[in-house]
N, C-alpha and C. Protein backbone atom coordinates (compact mmCIF):
# COMPACT_ATOMS: atom_id res chain seq x y z
N MET A 1 1.11 33.24 20.90
CA MET A 1 0.71 31.94 21.47
C MET A 1 0.70 30.90 20.36
N THR A 2 1.11 29.70 20.63
CA THR A 2 1.20 28.64 19.64
C THR A 2 -0.17 28.28 19.09
N GLY A 3 -0.30 28.30 17.75
CA GLY A 3 -1.50 27.79 17.11
C GLY A 3 -2.76 28.54 17.47
N ALA A 4 -3.13 29.57 16.72
CA ALA A 4 -4.38 30.28 16.97
C ALA A 4 -5.54 29.33 16.77
N PRO A 5 -6.67 29.55 17.50
CA PRO A 5 -7.80 28.64 17.41
C PRO A 5 -8.26 28.45 15.97
N GLY A 6 -8.48 27.21 15.62
CA GLY A 6 -9.02 26.90 14.30
C GLY A 6 -7.97 26.80 13.22
N THR A 7 -6.68 26.85 13.57
CA THR A 7 -5.64 26.77 12.56
C THR A 7 -4.82 25.49 12.75
N THR A 8 -3.51 25.64 12.93
CA THR A 8 -2.62 24.49 13.02
C THR A 8 -2.91 23.65 14.27
N PRO A 9 -2.98 22.33 14.13
CA PRO A 9 -3.16 21.49 15.33
C PRO A 9 -2.05 21.71 16.34
N LEU A 10 -2.40 21.62 17.59
CA LEU A 10 -1.45 21.84 18.67
C LEU A 10 -0.60 20.62 18.97
N LEU A 11 -1.17 19.43 18.79
CA LEU A 11 -0.47 18.21 19.20
C LEU A 11 0.52 17.76 18.14
N HIS A 12 1.68 17.31 18.59
CA HIS A 12 2.69 16.75 17.69
C HIS A 12 2.36 15.31 17.32
N ARG A 13 1.68 14.62 18.20
CA ARG A 13 1.26 13.25 17.89
C ARG A 13 -0.08 12.98 18.53
N THR A 14 -0.88 12.18 17.85
CA THR A 14 -2.17 11.76 18.38
C THR A 14 -2.26 10.24 18.46
N ALA A 15 -1.27 9.54 17.92
CA ALA A 15 -1.27 8.08 17.97
C ALA A 15 -0.81 7.61 19.34
N VAL A 16 -1.30 6.44 19.72
CA VAL A 16 -0.90 5.78 20.96
C VAL A 16 -0.23 4.47 20.59
N THR A 17 0.91 4.17 21.19
CA THR A 17 1.66 2.99 20.82
C THR A 17 1.04 1.73 21.44
N PRO A 18 1.30 0.57 20.85
CA PRO A 18 0.83 -0.68 21.48
C PRO A 18 1.33 -0.85 22.91
N ALA A 19 2.57 -0.46 23.17
CA ALA A 19 3.12 -0.58 24.54
C ALA A 19 2.34 0.30 25.51
N GLU A 20 1.98 1.51 25.08
CA GLU A 20 1.20 2.40 25.95
C GLU A 20 -0.17 1.81 26.23
N ARG A 21 -0.80 1.22 25.23
CA ARG A 21 -2.11 0.59 25.44
C ARG A 21 -2.00 -0.60 26.39
N ARG A 22 -0.91 -1.38 26.25
CA ARG A 22 -0.73 -2.53 27.15
C ARG A 22 -0.53 -2.06 28.60
N ASP A 23 0.28 -1.02 28.78
CA ASP A 23 0.51 -0.50 30.13
C ASP A 23 -0.79 0.02 30.74
N TRP A 24 -1.57 0.71 29.93
CA TRP A 24 -2.86 1.22 30.42
C TRP A 24 -3.77 0.08 30.86
N ALA A 25 -3.88 -0.94 30.00
CA ALA A 25 -4.75 -2.06 30.32
C ALA A 25 -4.28 -2.81 31.56
N ALA A 26 -2.98 -2.90 31.75
CA ALA A 26 -2.44 -3.67 32.88
C ALA A 26 -2.49 -2.90 34.19
N HIS A 27 -2.30 -1.58 34.13
CA HIS A 27 -2.09 -0.82 35.36
C HIS A 27 -3.12 0.28 35.62
N GLY A 28 -3.86 0.70 34.61
CA GLY A 28 -4.82 1.79 34.80
C GLY A 28 -4.17 3.16 34.82
N HIS A 29 -2.90 3.24 34.43
CA HIS A 29 -2.24 4.52 34.27
C HIS A 29 -1.06 4.35 33.34
N VAL A 30 -0.71 5.43 32.62
CA VAL A 30 0.42 5.38 31.70
C VAL A 30 0.82 6.80 31.35
N ALA A 31 2.10 7.03 31.17
CA ALA A 31 2.59 8.32 30.71
C ALA A 31 2.54 8.37 29.19
N LEU A 32 2.09 9.50 28.65
CA LEU A 32 2.04 9.73 27.20
C LEU A 32 2.90 10.96 26.91
N PRO A 33 4.22 10.79 26.76
CA PRO A 33 5.10 11.93 26.53
C PRO A 33 5.10 12.36 25.07
N GLY A 34 5.64 13.56 24.82
CA GLY A 34 5.86 14.01 23.45
C GLY A 34 4.60 14.33 22.68
N LEU A 35 3.52 14.66 23.36
CA LEU A 35 2.28 15.01 22.65
C LEU A 35 2.36 16.41 22.06
N TRP A 36 3.15 17.29 22.69
CA TRP A 36 3.33 18.65 22.18
C TRP A 36 4.77 19.08 22.42
N GLY A 37 5.11 20.25 21.92
CA GLY A 37 6.47 20.73 22.03
C GLY A 37 6.67 21.72 23.16
N PRO A 38 7.93 22.16 23.38
CA PRO A 38 8.23 23.11 24.45
C PRO A 38 7.49 24.43 24.30
N GLY A 39 7.23 24.86 23.07
CA GLY A 39 6.52 26.12 22.86
C GLY A 39 5.12 26.08 23.44
N LEU A 40 4.41 24.99 23.23
CA LEU A 40 3.06 24.87 23.78
C LEU A 40 3.12 24.77 25.30
N ALA A 41 4.14 24.09 25.83
CA ALA A 41 4.28 24.02 27.28
C ALA A 41 4.44 25.42 27.87
N ARG A 42 5.22 26.28 27.21
CA ARG A 42 5.38 27.66 27.68
C ARG A 42 4.08 28.44 27.59
N ASP A 43 3.35 28.26 26.48
CA ASP A 43 2.07 28.95 26.32
C ASP A 43 1.06 28.51 27.37
N LEU A 44 1.05 27.22 27.66
CA LEU A 44 0.14 26.69 28.68
C LEU A 44 0.47 27.29 30.04
N ALA A 45 1.76 27.38 30.35
CA ALA A 45 2.17 27.97 31.63
C ALA A 45 1.78 29.44 31.70
N ALA A 46 1.93 30.16 30.59
CA ALA A 46 1.59 31.58 30.58
C ALA A 46 0.10 31.78 30.79
N GLU A 47 -0.74 30.98 30.10
CA GLU A 47 -2.19 31.11 30.30
C GLU A 47 -2.56 30.73 31.73
N CYS A 48 -1.95 29.67 32.23
CA CYS A 48 -2.24 29.21 33.58
C CYS A 48 -1.97 30.32 34.60
N ARG A 49 -0.83 30.95 34.50
CA ARG A 49 -0.50 32.02 35.46
C ARG A 49 -1.43 33.22 35.29
N ALA A 50 -1.78 33.55 34.04
CA ALA A 50 -2.65 34.68 33.79
C ALA A 50 -4.05 34.45 34.34
N ARG A 51 -4.50 33.19 34.35
CA ARG A 51 -5.86 32.87 34.79
C ARG A 51 -5.95 32.69 36.30
N HIS A 52 -4.83 32.72 37.00
CA HIS A 52 -4.86 32.51 38.44
C HIS A 52 -5.73 33.53 39.16
N ALA A 53 -5.70 34.76 38.70
CA ALA A 53 -6.49 35.81 39.36
C ALA A 53 -7.99 35.53 39.29
N ALA A 54 -8.42 34.76 38.29
CA ALA A 54 -9.85 34.46 38.13
C ALA A 54 -10.23 33.12 38.76
N ALA A 55 -9.30 32.44 39.41
CA ALA A 55 -9.56 31.10 39.94
C ALA A 55 -10.50 31.17 41.14
N GLY A 56 -11.34 30.15 41.26
CA GLY A 56 -12.24 30.02 42.40
C GLY A 56 -12.38 28.57 42.79
N VAL A 57 -12.94 28.33 43.96
CA VAL A 57 -13.13 26.97 44.44
C VAL A 57 -14.32 26.34 43.72
N PRO A 58 -14.15 25.22 43.01
CA PRO A 58 -15.26 24.60 42.28
C PRO A 58 -16.36 24.12 43.23
N ARG A 59 -17.59 24.20 42.74
CA ARG A 59 -18.71 23.68 43.53
C ARG A 59 -18.74 22.17 43.53
N GLY A 60 -18.38 21.57 42.38
CA GLY A 60 -18.37 20.11 42.28
C GLY A 60 -17.00 19.54 42.58
N GLY A 61 -16.81 18.30 42.15
CA GLY A 61 -15.53 17.63 42.36
C GLY A 61 -15.55 16.78 43.61
N PRO A 62 -14.54 15.91 43.74
CA PRO A 62 -14.49 15.00 44.89
C PRO A 62 -14.23 15.76 46.18
N ARG A 63 -14.91 15.37 47.24
CA ARG A 63 -14.71 15.95 48.57
C ARG A 63 -14.46 14.80 49.54
N THR A 64 -13.22 14.59 49.91
CA THR A 64 -12.89 13.51 50.83
C THR A 64 -13.36 13.89 52.23
N PRO A 65 -14.21 13.06 52.86
CA PRO A 65 -14.68 13.39 54.20
C PRO A 65 -13.61 13.09 55.24
N VAL A 66 -12.98 14.13 55.75
CA VAL A 66 -11.88 13.96 56.71
C VAL A 66 -12.25 14.59 58.05
N SER A 67 -11.49 14.23 59.06
CA SER A 67 -11.69 14.79 60.39
C SER A 67 -11.30 16.26 60.41
N ALA A 68 -11.75 16.97 61.43
CA ALA A 68 -11.43 18.40 61.55
C ALA A 68 -9.92 18.62 61.61
N ARG A 69 -9.21 17.66 62.20
CA ARG A 69 -7.76 17.79 62.30
C ARG A 69 -7.09 17.80 60.94
N ARG A 70 -7.69 17.06 59.98
CA ARG A 70 -7.10 16.96 58.65
C ARG A 70 -7.72 17.91 57.65
N ALA A 71 -8.62 18.78 58.09
CA ALA A 71 -9.28 19.70 57.16
C ALA A 71 -8.23 20.58 56.48
N PRO A 72 -8.34 20.77 55.17
CA PRO A 72 -7.35 21.60 54.47
C PRO A 72 -7.47 23.06 54.87
N ARG A 73 -6.35 23.77 54.78
CA ARG A 73 -6.39 25.21 55.07
C ARG A 73 -7.30 25.92 54.08
N ARG A 74 -7.28 25.47 52.83
CA ARG A 74 -8.11 26.06 51.79
C ARG A 74 -8.27 25.05 50.68
N ALA A 75 -9.48 24.98 50.11
CA ALA A 75 -9.69 24.10 48.96
C ALA A 75 -8.87 24.62 47.78
N THR A 76 -8.56 23.72 46.85
CA THR A 76 -7.73 24.08 45.70
C THR A 76 -8.54 24.90 44.70
N PRO A 77 -8.16 26.16 44.44
CA PRO A 77 -8.88 26.96 43.45
C PRO A 77 -8.58 26.47 42.04
N ALA A 78 -9.50 26.71 41.12
CA ALA A 78 -9.36 26.24 39.75
C ALA A 78 -9.86 27.31 38.78
N ALA A 79 -9.38 27.21 37.55
CA ALA A 79 -9.81 28.12 36.49
C ALA A 79 -9.66 27.42 35.15
N GLY A 80 -10.36 27.92 34.15
CA GLY A 80 -10.22 27.43 32.79
C GLY A 80 -9.51 28.45 31.92
N GLY A 81 -9.46 28.16 30.61
CA GLY A 81 -8.83 29.08 29.67
C GLY A 81 -9.00 28.56 28.26
N PRO A 82 -8.96 29.44 27.25
CA PRO A 82 -9.20 29.01 25.87
C PRO A 82 -8.15 28.03 25.34
N LEU A 83 -6.87 28.23 25.68
CA LEU A 83 -5.86 27.27 25.23
C LEU A 83 -6.08 25.93 25.89
N LEU A 84 -6.37 25.93 27.17
CA LEU A 84 -6.66 24.69 27.90
C LEU A 84 -7.81 23.95 27.23
N ALA A 85 -8.86 24.69 26.86
CA ALA A 85 -10.04 24.07 26.22
C ALA A 85 -9.69 23.47 24.86
N ARG A 86 -8.83 24.15 24.12
CA ARG A 86 -8.47 23.62 22.81
C ARG A 86 -7.63 22.35 22.93
N ILE A 87 -6.68 22.34 23.87
CA ILE A 87 -5.89 21.13 24.10
C ILE A 87 -6.81 19.99 24.54
N HIS A 88 -7.77 20.29 25.40
CA HIS A 88 -8.73 19.29 25.87
C HIS A 88 -9.41 18.61 24.69
N LEU A 89 -9.87 19.41 23.74
CA LEU A 89 -10.56 18.86 22.57
C LEU A 89 -9.60 18.01 21.73
N GLU A 90 -8.39 18.50 21.50
CA GLU A 90 -7.45 17.77 20.65
C GLU A 90 -6.97 16.47 21.29
N LEU A 91 -7.00 16.40 22.62
CA LEU A 91 -6.60 15.17 23.30
C LEU A 91 -7.66 14.07 23.24
N THR A 92 -8.82 14.38 22.69
CA THR A 92 -9.88 13.37 22.61
C THR A 92 -9.42 12.17 21.79
N GLY A 93 -8.70 12.41 20.69
CA GLY A 93 -8.21 11.31 19.85
C GLY A 93 -7.31 10.36 20.61
N PRO A 94 -6.24 10.85 21.24
CA PRO A 94 -5.41 9.95 22.04
C PRO A 94 -6.18 9.27 23.17
N ALA A 95 -7.13 9.97 23.78
CA ALA A 95 -7.91 9.37 24.87
C ALA A 95 -8.71 8.17 24.36
N ARG A 96 -9.32 8.32 23.19
CA ARG A 96 -10.09 7.21 22.61
C ARG A 96 -9.18 6.08 22.17
N ALA A 97 -8.04 6.44 21.58
CA ALA A 97 -7.11 5.40 21.11
C ALA A 97 -6.55 4.59 22.27
N LEU A 98 -6.30 5.25 23.39
CA LEU A 98 -5.74 4.57 24.54
C LEU A 98 -6.72 3.60 25.16
N THR A 99 -7.96 4.03 25.32
CA THR A 99 -8.95 3.24 26.07
C THR A 99 -9.81 2.34 25.19
N GLY A 100 -9.89 2.64 23.88
CA GLY A 100 -10.80 1.89 23.02
C GLY A 100 -12.25 2.22 23.28
N ARG A 101 -12.51 3.35 23.94
CA ARG A 101 -13.88 3.76 24.24
C ARG A 101 -14.20 5.07 23.54
N LEU A 102 -15.49 5.29 23.24
CA LEU A 102 -15.92 6.52 22.60
C LEU A 102 -16.07 7.59 23.67
N LEU A 103 -14.94 8.19 24.03
CA LEU A 103 -14.92 9.19 25.09
C LEU A 103 -15.21 10.58 24.53
N VAL A 104 -15.81 11.41 25.36
CA VAL A 104 -16.04 12.81 25.01
C VAL A 104 -15.52 13.68 26.15
N PRO A 105 -15.05 14.90 25.84
CA PRO A 105 -14.56 15.78 26.90
C PRO A 105 -15.70 16.21 27.83
N THR A 106 -15.41 16.28 29.12
CA THR A 106 -16.39 16.78 30.08
C THR A 106 -15.94 18.12 30.66
N PHE A 107 -14.79 18.17 31.30
CA PHE A 107 -14.29 19.47 31.75
C PHE A 107 -12.77 19.42 31.88
N ALA A 108 -12.19 20.60 31.84
CA ALA A 108 -10.74 20.75 32.03
C ALA A 108 -10.52 21.96 32.93
N ALA A 109 -9.48 21.90 33.73
CA ALA A 109 -9.22 23.00 34.66
C ALA A 109 -7.77 23.03 35.08
N TYR A 110 -7.30 24.24 35.37
CA TYR A 110 -6.05 24.41 36.09
C TYR A 110 -6.36 24.34 37.58
N GLY A 111 -5.68 23.48 38.31
CA GLY A 111 -5.80 23.42 39.76
C GLY A 111 -4.56 24.03 40.39
N TYR A 112 -4.75 25.07 41.20
CA TYR A 112 -3.63 25.87 41.69
C TYR A 112 -3.22 25.48 43.11
N TYR A 113 -1.93 25.26 43.29
CA TYR A 113 -1.34 24.98 44.59
C TYR A 113 -0.51 26.20 44.99
N GLU A 114 -1.04 26.98 45.90
CA GLU A 114 -0.46 28.28 46.21
C GLU A 114 0.61 28.20 47.29
N HIS A 115 0.53 27.20 48.16
CA HIS A 115 1.49 27.08 49.26
C HIS A 115 2.12 25.68 49.31
N ASP A 116 1.31 24.65 49.10
CA ASP A 116 1.83 23.28 49.04
C ASP A 116 1.00 22.51 48.02
N ASP A 117 1.48 21.32 47.65
CA ASP A 117 0.82 20.58 46.57
C ASP A 117 0.04 19.36 47.09
N GLU A 118 -0.41 19.43 48.33
CA GLU A 118 -1.13 18.30 48.93
C GLU A 118 -2.46 18.03 48.22
N VAL A 119 -2.75 16.77 48.02
CA VAL A 119 -4.06 16.32 47.52
C VAL A 119 -4.52 15.17 48.40
N PHE A 120 -5.71 15.27 48.96
CA PHE A 120 -6.24 14.21 49.82
C PHE A 120 -6.53 12.95 49.01
N LEU A 121 -6.46 11.81 49.68
CA LEU A 121 -6.79 10.52 49.08
C LEU A 121 -8.24 10.53 48.59
N HIS A 122 -8.44 10.17 47.32
CA HIS A 122 -9.79 10.23 46.76
C HIS A 122 -9.86 9.41 45.47
N ILE A 123 -11.08 9.25 44.96
CA ILE A 123 -11.30 8.81 43.59
C ILE A 123 -12.03 9.92 42.86
N ASP A 124 -11.93 9.92 41.53
CA ASP A 124 -12.52 11.00 40.74
C ASP A 124 -14.02 10.81 40.57
N THR A 125 -14.68 11.87 40.09
CA THR A 125 -16.12 11.84 39.89
C THR A 125 -16.48 11.06 38.63
N GLU A 126 -17.78 10.86 38.42
CA GLU A 126 -18.26 10.13 37.25
C GLU A 126 -17.94 10.85 35.95
N LEU A 127 -17.68 12.15 36.02
CA LEU A 127 -17.31 12.90 34.82
C LEU A 127 -15.89 12.60 34.37
N CYS A 128 -15.14 11.88 35.19
CA CYS A 128 -13.73 11.60 34.90
C CYS A 128 -13.51 10.09 34.79
N GLU A 129 -14.10 9.46 33.79
CA GLU A 129 -13.79 8.06 33.52
C GLU A 129 -12.32 7.93 33.12
N LEU A 130 -11.81 8.95 32.46
CA LEU A 130 -10.39 9.04 32.13
C LEU A 130 -9.94 10.44 32.50
N THR A 131 -8.82 10.54 33.21
CA THR A 131 -8.24 11.83 33.56
C THR A 131 -6.84 11.90 32.98
N LEU A 132 -6.56 12.99 32.27
CA LEU A 132 -5.22 13.25 31.74
C LEU A 132 -4.64 14.42 32.52
N LEU A 133 -3.41 14.28 33.00
CA LEU A 133 -2.81 15.25 33.91
C LEU A 133 -1.45 15.71 33.42
N THR A 134 -1.18 17.00 33.55
CA THR A 134 0.14 17.53 33.25
C THR A 134 0.42 18.70 34.17
N THR A 135 1.69 18.97 34.42
CA THR A 135 2.07 20.16 35.20
C THR A 135 1.97 21.37 34.29
N ALA A 136 1.13 22.34 34.69
CA ALA A 136 0.93 23.53 33.87
C ALA A 136 1.88 24.65 34.25
N ALA A 137 2.23 24.75 35.52
CA ALA A 137 3.11 25.82 35.98
C ALA A 137 3.84 25.38 37.24
N GLY A 138 5.04 25.89 37.46
CA GLY A 138 5.78 25.57 38.66
C GLY A 138 6.18 24.10 38.73
N ARG A 139 6.18 23.55 39.95
CA ARG A 139 6.56 22.16 40.18
C ARG A 139 5.59 21.52 41.15
N VAL A 140 5.21 20.29 40.87
CA VAL A 140 4.41 19.50 41.81
C VAL A 140 5.07 18.13 41.96
N GLY A 141 4.86 17.54 43.13
CA GLY A 141 5.43 16.23 43.39
C GLY A 141 4.63 15.12 42.72
N PRO A 142 5.13 13.89 42.80
CA PRO A 142 4.43 12.75 42.19
C PRO A 142 3.05 12.54 42.82
N LEU A 143 2.13 12.04 42.01
CA LEU A 143 0.85 11.56 42.50
C LEU A 143 1.03 10.11 42.93
N HIS A 144 0.49 9.74 44.09
CA HIS A 144 0.64 8.39 44.60
C HIS A 144 -0.65 7.60 44.37
N LEU A 145 -0.56 6.50 43.63
CA LEU A 145 -1.71 5.66 43.29
C LEU A 145 -1.77 4.48 44.24
N HIS A 146 -3.01 4.03 44.51
CA HIS A 146 -3.22 2.96 45.49
C HIS A 146 -4.13 1.86 44.91
N PRO A 147 -3.58 1.01 44.04
CA PRO A 147 -4.39 -0.08 43.48
C PRO A 147 -4.93 -1.02 44.55
N GLY A 148 -4.24 -1.14 45.67
CA GLY A 148 -4.72 -2.01 46.75
C GLY A 148 -5.98 -1.50 47.42
N LEU A 149 -6.33 -0.24 47.18
CA LEU A 149 -7.55 0.34 47.76
C LEU A 149 -8.69 0.41 46.75
N THR A 150 -8.52 -0.22 45.60
CA THR A 150 -9.58 -0.22 44.59
C THR A 150 -10.87 -0.78 45.18
N GLY A 151 -11.96 -0.05 44.96
CA GLY A 151 -13.26 -0.46 45.49
C GLY A 151 -13.63 0.21 46.79
N ALA A 152 -12.69 0.92 47.43
CA ALA A 152 -12.98 1.61 48.68
C ALA A 152 -13.89 2.80 48.42
N SER A 153 -14.77 3.07 49.36
CA SER A 153 -15.66 4.22 49.25
C SER A 153 -14.93 5.49 49.65
N MET A 154 -15.53 6.64 49.33
CA MET A 154 -14.93 7.91 49.75
C MET A 154 -14.86 8.00 51.27
N ALA A 155 -15.86 7.45 51.95
CA ALA A 155 -15.84 7.46 53.41
C ALA A 155 -14.66 6.65 53.94
N GLU A 156 -14.40 5.50 53.33
CA GLU A 156 -13.26 4.67 53.76
C GLU A 156 -11.94 5.36 53.46
N LEU A 157 -11.87 6.04 52.31
CA LEU A 157 -10.65 6.77 51.98
C LEU A 157 -10.46 7.95 52.94
N GLY A 158 -11.56 8.60 53.31
CA GLY A 158 -11.48 9.70 54.27
C GLY A 158 -11.01 9.24 55.63
N ALA A 159 -11.43 8.04 56.05
CA ALA A 159 -10.98 7.50 57.33
C ALA A 159 -9.48 7.25 57.31
N LEU A 160 -8.96 6.75 56.18
CA LEU A 160 -7.52 6.56 56.07
C LEU A 160 -6.79 7.90 56.10
N GLU A 161 -7.29 8.85 55.33
CA GLU A 161 -6.67 10.17 55.28
C GLU A 161 -6.64 10.83 56.65
N SER A 162 -7.62 10.54 57.47
CA SER A 162 -7.71 11.15 58.80
C SER A 162 -6.87 10.43 59.84
N ASP A 163 -6.38 9.23 59.51
CA ASP A 163 -5.65 8.40 60.47
C ASP A 163 -4.18 8.84 60.53
N PRO A 164 -3.70 9.34 61.67
CA PRO A 164 -2.30 9.77 61.75
C PRO A 164 -1.31 8.64 61.46
N ALA A 165 -1.74 7.39 61.64
CA ALA A 165 -0.83 6.26 61.43
C ALA A 165 -0.74 5.84 59.96
N TRP A 166 -1.63 6.38 59.11
CA TRP A 166 -1.59 5.99 57.69
C TRP A 166 -0.32 6.52 57.04
N ASP A 167 0.32 5.67 56.26
CA ASP A 167 1.60 6.02 55.62
C ASP A 167 1.34 6.87 54.38
N ARG A 168 1.51 8.16 54.53
CA ARG A 168 1.26 9.07 53.40
C ARG A 168 2.35 8.99 52.34
N ALA A 169 3.44 8.32 52.63
CA ALA A 169 4.49 8.14 51.61
C ALA A 169 4.25 6.87 50.80
N GLY A 170 3.20 6.10 51.11
CA GLY A 170 2.95 4.85 50.43
C GLY A 170 2.29 5.05 49.07
N GLY A 171 2.05 3.93 48.40
CA GLY A 171 1.45 3.95 47.08
C GLY A 171 2.50 3.95 45.98
N THR A 172 2.01 3.96 44.74
CA THR A 172 2.88 3.98 43.56
C THR A 172 3.02 5.40 43.04
N PRO A 173 4.20 6.03 43.17
CA PRO A 173 4.34 7.41 42.71
C PRO A 173 4.44 7.50 41.19
N VAL A 174 3.71 8.43 40.60
CA VAL A 174 3.79 8.68 39.16
C VAL A 174 3.98 10.17 38.93
N THR A 175 4.77 10.50 37.92
CA THR A 175 5.02 11.89 37.55
C THR A 175 4.36 12.19 36.21
N TYR A 176 4.41 13.47 35.83
CA TYR A 176 3.79 13.90 34.57
C TYR A 176 4.86 14.29 33.56
N PRO A 177 4.73 13.88 32.31
CA PRO A 177 5.70 14.30 31.29
C PRO A 177 5.66 15.82 31.09
N ALA A 178 6.83 16.40 30.74
CA ALA A 178 6.90 17.84 30.54
C ALA A 178 6.12 18.29 29.31
N THR A 179 6.05 17.44 28.29
CA THR A 179 5.35 17.80 27.06
C THR A 179 4.31 16.73 26.71
N GLY A 180 3.57 16.33 27.71
CA GLY A 180 2.52 15.33 27.52
C GLY A 180 1.73 15.18 28.79
N VAL A 181 1.06 14.04 28.92
CA VAL A 181 0.17 13.82 30.05
C VAL A 181 0.42 12.45 30.67
N THR A 182 -0.03 12.29 31.89
CA THR A 182 -0.20 10.98 32.48
C THR A 182 -1.68 10.66 32.47
N ALA A 183 -2.04 9.53 31.87
CA ALA A 183 -3.43 9.08 31.83
C ALA A 183 -3.71 8.26 33.07
N LEU A 184 -4.87 8.51 33.68
CA LEU A 184 -5.21 7.86 34.95
C LEU A 184 -6.66 7.41 34.95
N ASP A 185 -6.88 6.16 35.36
CA ASP A 185 -8.23 5.66 35.61
C ASP A 185 -8.63 6.10 37.02
N GLY A 186 -8.88 7.39 37.17
CA GLY A 186 -9.10 7.98 38.48
C GLY A 186 -10.41 7.62 39.13
N ARG A 187 -11.37 7.11 38.37
CA ARG A 187 -12.62 6.63 38.97
C ARG A 187 -12.40 5.32 39.71
N ARG A 188 -11.39 4.55 39.30
CA ARG A 188 -11.15 3.24 39.90
C ARG A 188 -9.98 3.26 40.88
N LEU A 189 -8.92 4.00 40.55
CA LEU A 189 -7.69 3.98 41.34
C LEU A 189 -7.67 5.13 42.34
N PRO A 190 -7.77 4.87 43.64
CA PRO A 190 -7.59 5.95 44.62
C PRO A 190 -6.19 6.54 44.50
N HIS A 191 -6.09 7.85 44.74
CA HIS A 191 -4.81 8.52 44.59
C HIS A 191 -4.72 9.72 45.52
N HIS A 192 -3.49 10.11 45.85
CA HIS A 192 -3.26 11.28 46.69
C HIS A 192 -1.88 11.84 46.40
N ARG A 193 -1.61 13.04 46.89
CA ARG A 193 -0.27 13.61 46.84
C ARG A 193 0.10 13.99 48.27
N PRO A 194 1.22 13.48 48.78
CA PRO A 194 1.55 13.70 50.19
C PRO A 194 1.63 15.17 50.60
N GLY A 195 2.14 16.01 49.71
CA GLY A 195 2.20 17.44 50.01
C GLY A 195 3.58 17.89 50.43
N ARG A 196 4.04 18.93 49.76
CA ARG A 196 5.30 19.57 50.11
C ARG A 196 5.18 21.03 49.71
N PRO A 197 5.93 21.94 50.35
CA PRO A 197 5.88 23.35 49.96
C PRO A 197 6.27 23.53 48.50
N THR A 198 5.54 24.37 47.79
CA THR A 198 5.83 24.57 46.37
C THR A 198 6.89 25.64 46.16
N GLY A 199 6.96 26.65 47.02
CA GLY A 199 7.94 27.71 46.85
C GLY A 199 7.58 28.71 45.78
N GLU A 200 6.58 28.40 44.97
CA GLU A 200 6.10 29.28 43.91
C GLU A 200 4.71 28.81 43.52
N LEU A 201 3.99 29.67 42.81
CA LEU A 201 2.68 29.24 42.31
C LEU A 201 2.87 28.04 41.38
N SER A 202 2.19 26.95 41.70
CA SER A 202 2.28 25.73 40.89
C SER A 202 0.87 25.26 40.57
N ALA A 203 0.74 24.59 39.44
CA ALA A 203 -0.60 24.18 39.00
C ALA A 203 -0.52 22.93 38.15
N VAL A 204 -1.57 22.14 38.23
CA VAL A 204 -1.75 20.96 37.38
C VAL A 204 -2.93 21.23 36.45
N ALA A 205 -2.78 20.88 35.19
CA ALA A 205 -3.90 20.91 34.25
C ALA A 205 -4.51 19.51 34.19
N ALA A 206 -5.81 19.44 34.42
CA ALA A 206 -6.53 18.16 34.40
C ALA A 206 -7.55 18.20 33.27
N PHE A 207 -7.56 17.15 32.44
CA PHE A 207 -8.51 17.00 31.34
C PHE A 207 -9.33 15.75 31.58
N CYS A 208 -10.64 15.90 31.70
CA CYS A 208 -11.51 14.76 32.04
C CYS A 208 -12.40 14.38 30.87
N TYR A 209 -12.69 13.06 30.78
CA TYR A 209 -13.49 12.49 29.71
C TYR A 209 -14.41 11.42 30.29
N ARG A 210 -15.56 11.24 29.61
CA ARG A 210 -16.47 10.15 29.96
C ARG A 210 -16.94 9.47 28.68
N SER A 211 -17.48 8.26 28.82
CA SER A 211 -17.98 7.52 27.66
C SER A 211 -19.27 8.13 27.16
N LEU A 212 -19.39 8.22 25.84
CA LEU A 212 -20.62 8.75 25.26
C LEU A 212 -21.77 7.80 25.47
N PHE A 213 -21.48 6.50 25.46
CA PHE A 213 -22.53 5.50 25.66
C PHE A 213 -22.17 4.62 26.86
């Protein structure tokens, strides 16, 4: 596995460019590619698949209140891992550089999509002032962001999610870099993934941060 704990840093870069900071400030999301190499991407995928057997449904996290018709077949199981935790810690520098805030790690998890990659419309919890996302295994579709819904409550988002007339293909689609993350102001920007069959076990790694003060 790339970089045993406590030895060589995992990240190839920790600096954030002025253009990336401008995009973040203007839009509340930005891709940060090239943070690590293909070897670490393979190691992350291997740990992710190995930890699937230990995955369980988290007690916390956002729960979009939807109608019985829209109830998911199963909540998304999640798991952690030592490599995931180390990457989480090393990403603190880029997270602080991007936002200009004294952020600290809160939690990181692999979220597993076993049949499809659907994610209900929601905003993130208070533990996720900044969320960094990457595909850990398999393939997932773009996340759709909805700046026009900024300020909506979870109840209002649940009503939209439950409405058969709501356009699930709408919003601004964003993808994740293969060797980096997409940074998201998930507490402010409502987001969802329309959902499509994965064809294989697929997972997203999410790294969450909050302000120390």
